[in-house]
Amino acid sequence: MKEENIQIKLLNENAKIPTYGSNDAAGADIYANIDTAITIKPHETVFIKTGLAFAIPKGLVGLVYARSGLSCKQGLAPANKVGVIDSDYRGELMVALHNHSEEKRIINPNDRIAQIVFTPYVKASFLETDNLDETIRGNGGFGSTGKN
C-alpha cells in the first residue's frame, strides 16, 4: 500500500472529509453534504452533493464506487456504476445515486453514500493496425470461456 497526499477543499462548513472504515480499506467513505433528507423514488437518480473538491495528483484518478451495504441491502448505487474523477477536475464531487429498488429510499445529511478509491492509470497511445496478434481466445466474446 502506497500513501499519497490528496488535497481536498471543503466547500462549506458542514462538508465531511472522507474516512476509511478500517486500516486496510481501499475505499474512503464519502458523505452526503445536504441540509435536509432527500427521498429517492424507485428507479430514480438523484445527484447528491458532497461539499468536496479535490486536487488529485497527475497520474492518479479518483474512482467512485458503491458502498456494498448500501447497494446490496438498499439498492442504492452510483448511476454510472463507477464515477471517474480526473486529476484536472476541480469542481464539487457529486454522486449520481440511483435507486434500483422498488421502495423509496431516504438519504439523510452526513449519510455515507459512496466510496472513493485513488489509483494510478495508464494513458494509451492508440496505434492503428490492420492485424492484431493471435490468441487462443481469439474473437470469442461473451460467455466464450465457458461456465466454469
N, C-alpha and C. Protein backbone atom coordinates (compact mmCIF):
# COMPACT_ATOMS: atom_id res chain seq x y z
N MET A 1 0.85 -1.17 0.00
CA MET A 1 0.00 0.00 0.00
C MET A 1 0.89 1.24 0.00
N LYS A 2 0.64 2.09 -0.95
CA LYS A 2 1.35 3.36 -1.05
C LYS A 2 0.44 4.47 -0.54
N GLU A 3 0.98 5.38 0.24
CA GLU A 3 0.19 6.53 0.69
C GLU A 3 0.50 7.73 -0.18
N GLU A 4 -0.52 8.51 -0.46
CA GLU A 4 -0.40 9.68 -1.33
C GLU A 4 -1.18 10.82 -0.69
N ASN A 5 -0.61 12.02 -0.69
CA ASN A 5 -1.33 13.18 -0.19
C ASN A 5 -2.29 13.67 -1.26
N ILE A 6 -3.56 13.82 -0.88
CA ILE A 6 -4.59 14.32 -1.78
C ILE A 6 -5.14 15.60 -1.17
N GLN A 7 -4.97 16.71 -1.89
CA GLN A 7 -5.53 17.96 -1.40
C GLN A 7 -7.03 17.95 -1.56
N ILE A 8 -7.73 18.43 -0.52
CA ILE A 8 -9.18 18.44 -0.54
C ILE A 8 -9.67 19.79 -0.01
N LYS A 9 -10.68 20.32 -0.67
CA LYS A 9 -11.25 21.60 -0.27
C LYS A 9 -12.68 21.35 0.20
N LEU A 10 -12.98 21.78 1.42
CA LEU A 10 -14.34 21.71 1.94
C LEU A 10 -15.08 22.95 1.45
N LEU A 11 -16.15 22.74 0.70
CA LEU A 11 -16.86 23.83 0.06
C LEU A 11 -17.86 24.53 0.98
N ASN A 12 -18.13 23.93 2.15
CA ASN A 12 -18.92 24.59 3.18
C ASN A 12 -18.58 23.96 4.53
N GLU A 13 -19.05 24.59 5.61
CA GLU A 13 -18.63 24.14 6.95
C GLU A 13 -19.21 22.79 7.36
N ASN A 14 -20.22 22.30 6.67
CA ASN A 14 -20.82 21.01 7.02
C ASN A 14 -20.24 19.83 6.24
N ALA A 15 -19.38 20.10 5.28
CA ALA A 15 -18.79 19.02 4.49
C ALA A 15 -17.88 18.17 5.37
N LYS A 16 -17.85 16.87 5.08
CA LYS A 16 -17.02 15.95 5.85
C LYS A 16 -15.93 15.36 4.96
N ILE A 17 -14.73 15.35 5.49
CA ILE A 17 -13.61 14.71 4.78
C ILE A 17 -13.87 13.21 4.74
N PRO A 18 -13.60 12.54 3.60
CA PRO A 18 -13.81 11.09 3.52
C PRO A 18 -13.02 10.36 4.60
N THR A 19 -13.56 9.23 5.04
CA THR A 19 -12.92 8.43 6.08
C THR A 19 -12.81 6.98 5.63
N TYR A 20 -11.77 6.31 6.12
CA TYR A 20 -11.58 4.89 5.86
C TYR A 20 -12.19 4.09 7.01
N GLY A 21 -12.94 3.03 6.67
CA GLY A 21 -13.61 2.23 7.67
C GLY A 21 -12.69 1.30 8.44
N SER A 22 -11.51 1.02 7.88
CA SER A 22 -10.53 0.17 8.56
C SER A 22 -9.14 0.53 8.05
N ASN A 23 -8.12 0.05 8.72
CA ASN A 23 -6.74 0.37 8.34
C ASN A 23 -6.39 -0.05 6.92
N ASP A 24 -6.95 -1.17 6.47
CA ASP A 24 -6.59 -1.69 5.15
C ASP A 24 -7.66 -1.46 4.09
N ALA A 25 -8.64 -0.61 4.37
CA ALA A 25 -9.69 -0.32 3.40
C ALA A 25 -9.10 0.43 2.21
N ALA A 26 -9.46 0.02 1.01
CA ALA A 26 -9.00 0.70 -0.21
C ALA A 26 -9.84 1.93 -0.50
N GLY A 27 -11.13 1.87 -0.16
CA GLY A 27 -12.04 2.97 -0.44
C GLY A 27 -12.34 3.80 0.79
N ALA A 28 -12.37 5.11 0.61
CA ALA A 28 -12.74 6.04 1.69
C ALA A 28 -14.20 6.42 1.51
N ASP A 29 -14.96 6.37 2.59
CA ASP A 29 -16.38 6.70 2.54
C ASP A 29 -16.60 8.17 2.26
N ILE A 30 -17.56 8.44 1.38
CA ILE A 30 -17.96 9.80 1.00
C ILE A 30 -19.32 10.07 1.63
N TYR A 31 -19.48 11.26 2.19
CA TYR A 31 -20.69 11.62 2.93
C TYR A 31 -21.57 12.59 2.15
N ALA A 32 -22.88 12.46 2.35
CA ALA A 32 -23.83 13.39 1.74
C ALA A 32 -23.71 14.74 2.44
N ASN A 33 -23.57 15.79 1.66
CA ASN A 33 -23.50 17.15 2.20
C ASN A 33 -24.79 17.87 1.82
N ILE A 34 -25.84 17.53 2.55
CA ILE A 34 -27.16 18.08 2.27
C ILE A 34 -27.74 18.64 3.57
N ASP A 35 -28.65 19.62 3.44
CA ASP A 35 -29.25 20.25 4.62
C ASP A 35 -30.43 19.47 5.18
N THR A 36 -31.18 18.83 4.29
CA THR A 36 -32.35 18.06 4.71
C THR A 36 -32.35 16.72 3.98
N ALA A 37 -33.14 15.80 4.49
CA ALA A 37 -33.23 14.47 3.88
C ALA A 37 -33.73 14.57 2.44
N ILE A 38 -33.23 13.66 1.62
CA ILE A 38 -33.65 13.57 0.22
C ILE A 38 -34.26 12.18 0.00
N THR A 39 -35.44 12.15 -0.58
CA THR A 39 -36.09 10.89 -0.92
C THR A 39 -35.77 10.55 -2.37
N ILE A 40 -35.33 9.31 -2.59
CA ILE A 40 -35.06 8.82 -3.94
C ILE A 40 -36.12 7.77 -4.26
N LYS A 41 -36.96 8.07 -5.25
CA LYS A 41 -38.04 7.17 -5.63
C LYS A 41 -37.45 5.93 -6.33
N PRO A 42 -38.24 4.85 -6.41
CA PRO A 42 -37.77 3.66 -7.13
C PRO A 42 -37.35 4.02 -8.56
N HIS A 43 -36.20 3.53 -8.97
CA HIS A 43 -35.65 3.70 -10.32
C HIS A 43 -35.36 5.16 -10.68
N GLU A 44 -35.21 6.00 -9.67
CA GLU A 44 -34.87 7.41 -9.87
C GLU A 44 -33.39 7.62 -9.56
N THR A 45 -32.79 8.59 -10.23
CA THR A 45 -31.41 9.00 -9.97
C THR A 45 -31.43 10.43 -9.45
N VAL A 46 -30.70 10.65 -8.36
CA VAL A 46 -30.61 11.98 -7.75
C VAL A 46 -29.14 12.31 -7.55
N PHE A 47 -28.76 13.52 -7.89
CA PHE A 47 -27.39 13.98 -7.66
C PHE A 47 -27.26 14.45 -6.22
N ILE A 48 -26.34 13.84 -5.49
CA ILE A 48 -26.13 14.17 -4.08
C ILE A 48 -24.82 14.95 -3.96
N LYS A 49 -24.89 16.11 -3.34
CA LYS A 49 -23.70 16.93 -3.12
C LYS A 49 -22.83 16.31 -2.02
N THR A 50 -21.52 16.50 -2.15
CA THR A 50 -20.59 16.06 -1.11
C THR A 50 -19.94 17.24 -0.40
N GLY A 51 -19.97 18.42 -1.01
CA GLY A 51 -19.32 19.58 -0.42
C GLY A 51 -17.80 19.51 -0.50
N LEU A 52 -17.29 18.65 -1.40
CA LEU A 52 -15.84 18.44 -1.53
C LEU A 52 -15.35 18.70 -2.93
N ALA A 53 -14.16 19.26 -3.03
CA ALA A 53 -13.43 19.36 -4.29
C ALA A 53 -12.02 18.84 -4.03
N PHE A 54 -11.45 18.17 -5.01
CA PHE A 54 -10.15 17.52 -4.86
C PHE A 54 -9.14 18.09 -5.85
N ALA A 55 -7.87 18.04 -5.46
CA ALA A 55 -6.75 18.26 -6.38
C ALA A 55 -6.03 16.92 -6.44
N ILE A 56 -6.48 16.06 -7.33
CA ILE A 56 -5.91 14.72 -7.46
C ILE A 56 -4.61 14.85 -8.25
N PRO A 57 -3.52 14.31 -7.73
CA PRO A 57 -2.24 14.42 -8.44
C PRO A 57 -2.29 13.80 -9.83
N LYS A 58 -1.57 14.42 -10.75
CA LYS A 58 -1.47 13.89 -12.12
C LYS A 58 -0.94 12.46 -12.05
N GLY A 59 -1.53 11.59 -12.84
CA GLY A 59 -1.15 10.18 -12.84
C GLY A 59 -2.05 9.32 -11.98
N LEU A 60 -2.93 9.99 -11.18
CA LEU A 60 -3.92 9.27 -10.38
C LEU A 60 -5.31 9.64 -10.86
N VAL A 61 -6.26 8.77 -10.58
CA VAL A 61 -7.67 9.03 -10.86
C VAL A 61 -8.45 8.66 -9.61
N GLY A 62 -9.51 9.40 -9.31
CA GLY A 62 -10.41 9.04 -8.23
C GLY A 62 -11.58 8.26 -8.82
N LEU A 63 -11.81 7.06 -8.31
CA LEU A 63 -12.90 6.22 -8.80
C LEU A 63 -13.95 6.11 -7.71
N VAL A 64 -15.18 6.49 -8.03
CA VAL A 64 -16.27 6.50 -7.07
C VAL A 64 -17.10 5.24 -7.26
N TYR A 65 -17.13 4.41 -6.22
CA TYR A 65 -17.84 3.13 -6.25
C TYR A 65 -18.99 3.13 -5.25
N ALA A 66 -19.87 2.14 -5.41
CA ALA A 66 -20.95 1.92 -4.46
C ALA A 66 -20.37 1.44 -3.13
N ARG A 67 -21.07 1.74 -2.06
CA ARG A 67 -20.79 1.13 -0.76
C ARG A 67 -21.56 -0.19 -0.75
N SER A 68 -20.91 -1.27 -0.41
CA SER A 68 -21.54 -2.59 -0.55
C SER A 68 -22.83 -2.73 0.25
N GLY A 69 -22.85 -2.27 1.49
CA GLY A 69 -24.06 -2.38 2.30
C GLY A 69 -25.21 -1.57 1.71
N LEU A 70 -24.94 -0.37 1.27
CA LEU A 70 -25.98 0.50 0.71
C LEU A 70 -26.52 -0.09 -0.59
N SER A 71 -25.65 -0.61 -1.42
CA SER A 71 -26.11 -1.13 -2.71
C SER A 71 -26.80 -2.48 -2.57
N CYS A 72 -26.25 -3.38 -1.76
CA CYS A 72 -26.82 -4.73 -1.64
C CYS A 72 -28.05 -4.78 -0.76
N LYS A 73 -28.10 -3.96 0.27
CA LYS A 73 -29.23 -4.01 1.20
C LYS A 73 -30.34 -3.02 0.85
N GLN A 74 -29.99 -1.89 0.21
CA GLN A 74 -31.00 -0.87 -0.08
C GLN A 74 -31.17 -0.58 -1.56
N GLY A 75 -30.30 -1.11 -2.40
CA GLY A 75 -30.42 -0.89 -3.84
C GLY A 75 -29.96 0.47 -4.31
N LEU A 76 -29.14 1.16 -3.49
CA LEU A 76 -28.64 2.49 -3.87
C LEU A 76 -27.18 2.39 -4.30
N ALA A 77 -26.91 2.83 -5.52
CA ALA A 77 -25.55 2.77 -6.05
C ALA A 77 -25.37 3.88 -7.08
N PRO A 78 -24.12 4.28 -7.34
CA PRO A 78 -23.89 5.29 -8.38
C PRO A 78 -24.52 4.87 -9.70
N ALA A 79 -25.22 5.80 -10.34
CA ALA A 79 -25.93 5.52 -11.59
C ALA A 79 -24.97 5.13 -12.71
N ASN A 80 -23.77 5.69 -12.71
CA ASN A 80 -22.80 5.40 -13.75
C ASN A 80 -21.89 4.23 -13.38
N LYS A 81 -22.27 3.49 -12.35
CA LYS A 81 -21.55 2.30 -11.84
C LYS A 81 -20.22 2.67 -11.20
N VAL A 82 -19.35 3.34 -11.95
CA VAL A 82 -18.08 3.83 -11.40
C VAL A 82 -17.90 5.26 -11.91
N GLY A 83 -17.84 6.19 -10.98
CA GLY A 83 -17.58 7.58 -11.36
C GLY A 83 -16.09 7.80 -11.51
N VAL A 84 -15.70 8.55 -12.53
CA VAL A 84 -14.29 8.84 -12.79
C VAL A 84 -14.03 10.31 -12.51
N ILE A 85 -13.14 10.57 -11.55
CA ILE A 85 -12.76 11.94 -11.21
C ILE A 85 -11.34 12.16 -11.71
N ASP A 86 -11.21 12.91 -12.79
CA ASP A 86 -9.91 13.16 -13.40
C ASP A 86 -9.08 14.13 -12.58
N SER A 87 -7.77 14.05 -12.77
CA SER A 87 -6.86 14.88 -11.98
C SER A 87 -6.97 16.37 -12.30
N ASP A 88 -7.56 16.72 -13.43
CA ASP A 88 -7.69 18.15 -13.76
C ASP A 88 -9.06 18.73 -13.39
N TYR A 89 -9.93 17.94 -12.77
CA TYR A 89 -11.25 18.43 -12.35
C TYR A 89 -11.14 19.07 -10.97
N ARG A 90 -11.68 20.27 -10.81
CA ARG A 90 -11.62 20.99 -9.54
C ARG A 90 -12.99 21.36 -8.99
N GLY A 91 -14.05 20.88 -9.62
CA GLY A 91 -15.39 21.19 -9.15
C GLY A 91 -15.83 20.26 -8.03
N GLU A 92 -17.04 20.48 -7.55
CA GLU A 92 -17.58 19.67 -6.46
C GLU A 92 -17.83 18.23 -6.92
N LEU A 93 -17.43 17.31 -6.09
CA LEU A 93 -17.74 15.90 -6.32
C LEU A 93 -19.22 15.69 -6.03
N MET A 94 -19.94 15.24 -7.05
CA MET A 94 -21.36 14.91 -6.91
C MET A 94 -21.50 13.41 -7.16
N VAL A 95 -22.39 12.77 -6.41
CA VAL A 95 -22.64 11.35 -6.61
C VAL A 95 -24.05 11.20 -7.18
N ALA A 96 -24.14 10.64 -8.40
CA ALA A 96 -25.43 10.37 -9.02
C ALA A 96 -25.93 9.05 -8.45
N LEU A 97 -26.74 9.12 -7.42
CA LEU A 97 -27.18 7.92 -6.71
C LEU A 97 -28.49 7.43 -7.31
N HIS A 98 -28.49 6.16 -7.73
CA HIS A 98 -29.67 5.56 -8.37
C HIS A 98 -30.30 4.54 -7.44
N ASN A 99 -31.63 4.57 -7.37
CA ASN A 99 -32.39 3.63 -6.56
C ASN A 99 -32.84 2.47 -7.45
N HIS A 100 -32.18 1.33 -7.31
CA HIS A 100 -32.52 0.15 -8.09
C HIS A 100 -33.67 -0.64 -7.46
N SER A 101 -34.14 -0.24 -6.29
CA SER A 101 -35.16 -0.99 -5.57
C SER A 101 -36.56 -0.56 -6.00
N GLU A 102 -37.54 -1.23 -5.42
CA GLU A 102 -38.95 -0.91 -5.67
C GLU A 102 -39.54 -0.05 -4.56
N GLU A 103 -38.69 0.41 -3.63
CA GLU A 103 -39.16 1.22 -2.50
C GLU A 103 -38.45 2.57 -2.49
N LYS A 104 -39.10 3.57 -1.92
CA LYS A 104 -38.46 4.87 -1.73
C LYS A 104 -37.31 4.69 -0.74
N ARG A 105 -36.23 5.39 -0.97
CA ARG A 105 -35.09 5.38 -0.06
C ARG A 105 -34.79 6.81 0.35
N ILE A 106 -34.31 6.96 1.57
CA ILE A 106 -34.03 8.30 2.10
C ILE A 106 -32.54 8.43 2.39
N ILE A 107 -31.98 9.54 1.93
CA ILE A 107 -30.60 9.91 2.25
C ILE A 107 -30.68 11.08 3.22
N ASN A 108 -30.06 10.92 4.36
CA ASN A 108 -30.05 11.96 5.38
C ASN A 108 -28.73 12.71 5.34
N PRO A 109 -28.70 13.92 5.89
CA PRO A 109 -27.43 14.65 5.96
C PRO A 109 -26.35 13.79 6.63
N ASN A 110 -25.17 13.81 6.07
CA ASN A 110 -23.98 13.09 6.55
C ASN A 110 -24.05 11.58 6.42
N ASP A 111 -25.03 11.04 5.68
CA ASP A 111 -25.03 9.61 5.39
C ASP A 111 -23.84 9.29 4.48
N ARG A 112 -23.28 8.11 4.65
CA ARG A 112 -22.23 7.63 3.75
C ARG A 112 -22.92 7.13 2.48
N ILE A 113 -22.57 7.71 1.33
CA ILE A 113 -23.31 7.43 0.09
C ILE A 113 -22.50 6.69 -0.97
N ALA A 114 -21.20 6.68 -0.86
CA ALA A 114 -20.33 6.03 -1.85
C ALA A 114 -18.94 5.92 -1.24
N GLN A 115 -18.01 5.39 -2.02
CA GLN A 115 -16.62 5.36 -1.59
C GLN A 115 -15.73 5.75 -2.75
N ILE A 116 -14.59 6.34 -2.43
CA ILE A 116 -13.65 6.76 -3.46
C ILE A 116 -12.33 6.02 -3.27
N VAL A 117 -11.80 5.56 -4.40
CA VAL A 117 -10.51 4.87 -4.44
C VAL A 117 -9.61 5.67 -5.38
N PHE A 118 -8.39 5.93 -4.96
CA PHE A 118 -7.43 6.63 -5.81
C PHE A 118 -6.45 5.60 -6.35
N THR A 119 -6.24 5.63 -7.66
CA THR A 119 -5.38 4.63 -8.28
C THR A 119 -4.65 5.23 -9.47
N PRO A 120 -3.45 4.71 -9.77
CA PRO A 120 -2.76 5.16 -10.97
C PRO A 120 -3.46 4.63 -12.22
N TYR A 121 -3.21 5.28 -13.32
CA TYR A 121 -3.78 4.83 -14.59
C TYR A 121 -2.74 4.95 -15.70
N VAL A 122 -3.02 4.32 -16.80
CA VAL A 122 -2.15 4.37 -17.98
C VAL A 122 -2.87 5.18 -19.05
N LYS A 123 -2.19 6.15 -19.62
CA LYS A 123 -2.75 6.89 -20.74
C LYS A 123 -2.22 6.24 -22.01
N ALA A 124 -3.13 5.73 -22.82
CA ALA A 124 -2.76 4.95 -24.01
C ALA A 124 -2.43 5.85 -25.19
N SER A 125 -1.49 5.40 -25.99
CA SER A 125 -1.26 5.95 -27.32
C SER A 125 -1.83 4.91 -28.28
N PHE A 126 -2.84 5.28 -29.04
CA PHE A 126 -3.52 4.33 -29.91
C PHE A 126 -2.80 4.23 -31.24
N LEU A 127 -2.43 3.02 -31.60
CA LEU A 127 -1.70 2.76 -32.83
C LEU A 127 -2.58 1.93 -33.75
N GLU A 128 -3.04 2.53 -34.84
CA GLU A 128 -3.91 1.82 -35.77
C GLU A 128 -3.12 0.76 -36.51
N THR A 129 -3.73 -0.40 -36.70
CA THR A 129 -3.09 -1.51 -37.40
C THR A 129 -4.15 -2.31 -38.15
N ASP A 130 -3.72 -3.04 -39.16
CA ASP A 130 -4.63 -3.91 -39.91
C ASP A 130 -4.68 -5.31 -39.31
N ASN A 131 -3.69 -5.67 -38.49
CA ASN A 131 -3.62 -7.01 -37.92
C ASN A 131 -3.31 -6.96 -36.43
N LEU A 132 -3.98 -7.83 -35.68
CA LEU A 132 -3.71 -7.97 -34.25
C LEU A 132 -3.08 -9.34 -34.03
N ASP A 133 -2.26 -9.48 -32.99
CA ASP A 133 -1.65 -10.78 -32.71
C ASP A 133 -2.74 -11.79 -32.36
N GLU A 134 -2.47 -13.04 -32.66
CA GLU A 134 -3.43 -14.13 -32.42
C GLU A 134 -3.33 -14.59 -30.96
N THR A 135 -4.49 -15.00 -30.41
CA THR A 135 -4.54 -15.59 -29.07
C THR A 135 -5.42 -16.84 -29.13
N ILE A 136 -5.37 -17.65 -28.10
CA ILE A 136 -6.20 -18.84 -28.05
C ILE A 136 -7.68 -18.45 -28.05
N ARG A 137 -8.03 -17.43 -27.33
CA ARG A 137 -9.43 -16.99 -27.27
C ARG A 137 -9.89 -16.38 -28.57
N GLY A 138 -9.02 -15.66 -29.22
CA GLY A 138 -9.40 -15.01 -30.49
C GLY A 138 -10.48 -13.97 -30.30
N ASN A 139 -11.51 -14.02 -31.14
CA ASN A 139 -12.58 -13.02 -31.04
C ASN A 139 -13.79 -13.56 -30.27
N GLY A 140 -13.60 -14.60 -29.47
CA GLY A 140 -14.69 -15.14 -28.64
C GLY A 140 -15.13 -14.11 -27.62
N GLY A 141 -16.39 -13.78 -27.66
CA GLY A 141 -16.92 -12.74 -26.78
C GLY A 141 -17.61 -13.28 -25.55
N PHE A 142 -18.74 -12.71 -25.22
CA PHE A 142 -19.50 -13.00 -24.02
C PHE A 142 -19.74 -14.51 -23.88
N GLY A 143 -19.29 -15.07 -22.77
CA GLY A 143 -19.52 -16.48 -22.48
C GLY A 143 -18.62 -17.43 -23.23
N SER A 144 -17.66 -16.92 -23.96
CA SER A 144 -16.83 -17.79 -24.80
C SER A 144 -15.80 -18.62 -24.02
N THR A 145 -15.56 -18.27 -22.78
CA THR A 145 -14.56 -19.03 -22.00
C THR A 145 -15.20 -20.11 -21.16
N GLY A 146 -16.49 -20.33 -21.30
CA GLY A 146 -17.16 -21.42 -20.58
C GLY A 146 -17.82 -20.94 -19.30
N LYS A 147 -18.51 -21.88 -18.65
CA LYS A 147 -19.26 -21.57 -17.44
C LYS A 147 -18.49 -21.88 -16.18
N ASN A 148 -17.40 -22.61 -16.25
CA ASN A 148 -16.65 -22.98 -15.04
C ASN A 148 -15.50 -22.05 -14.80
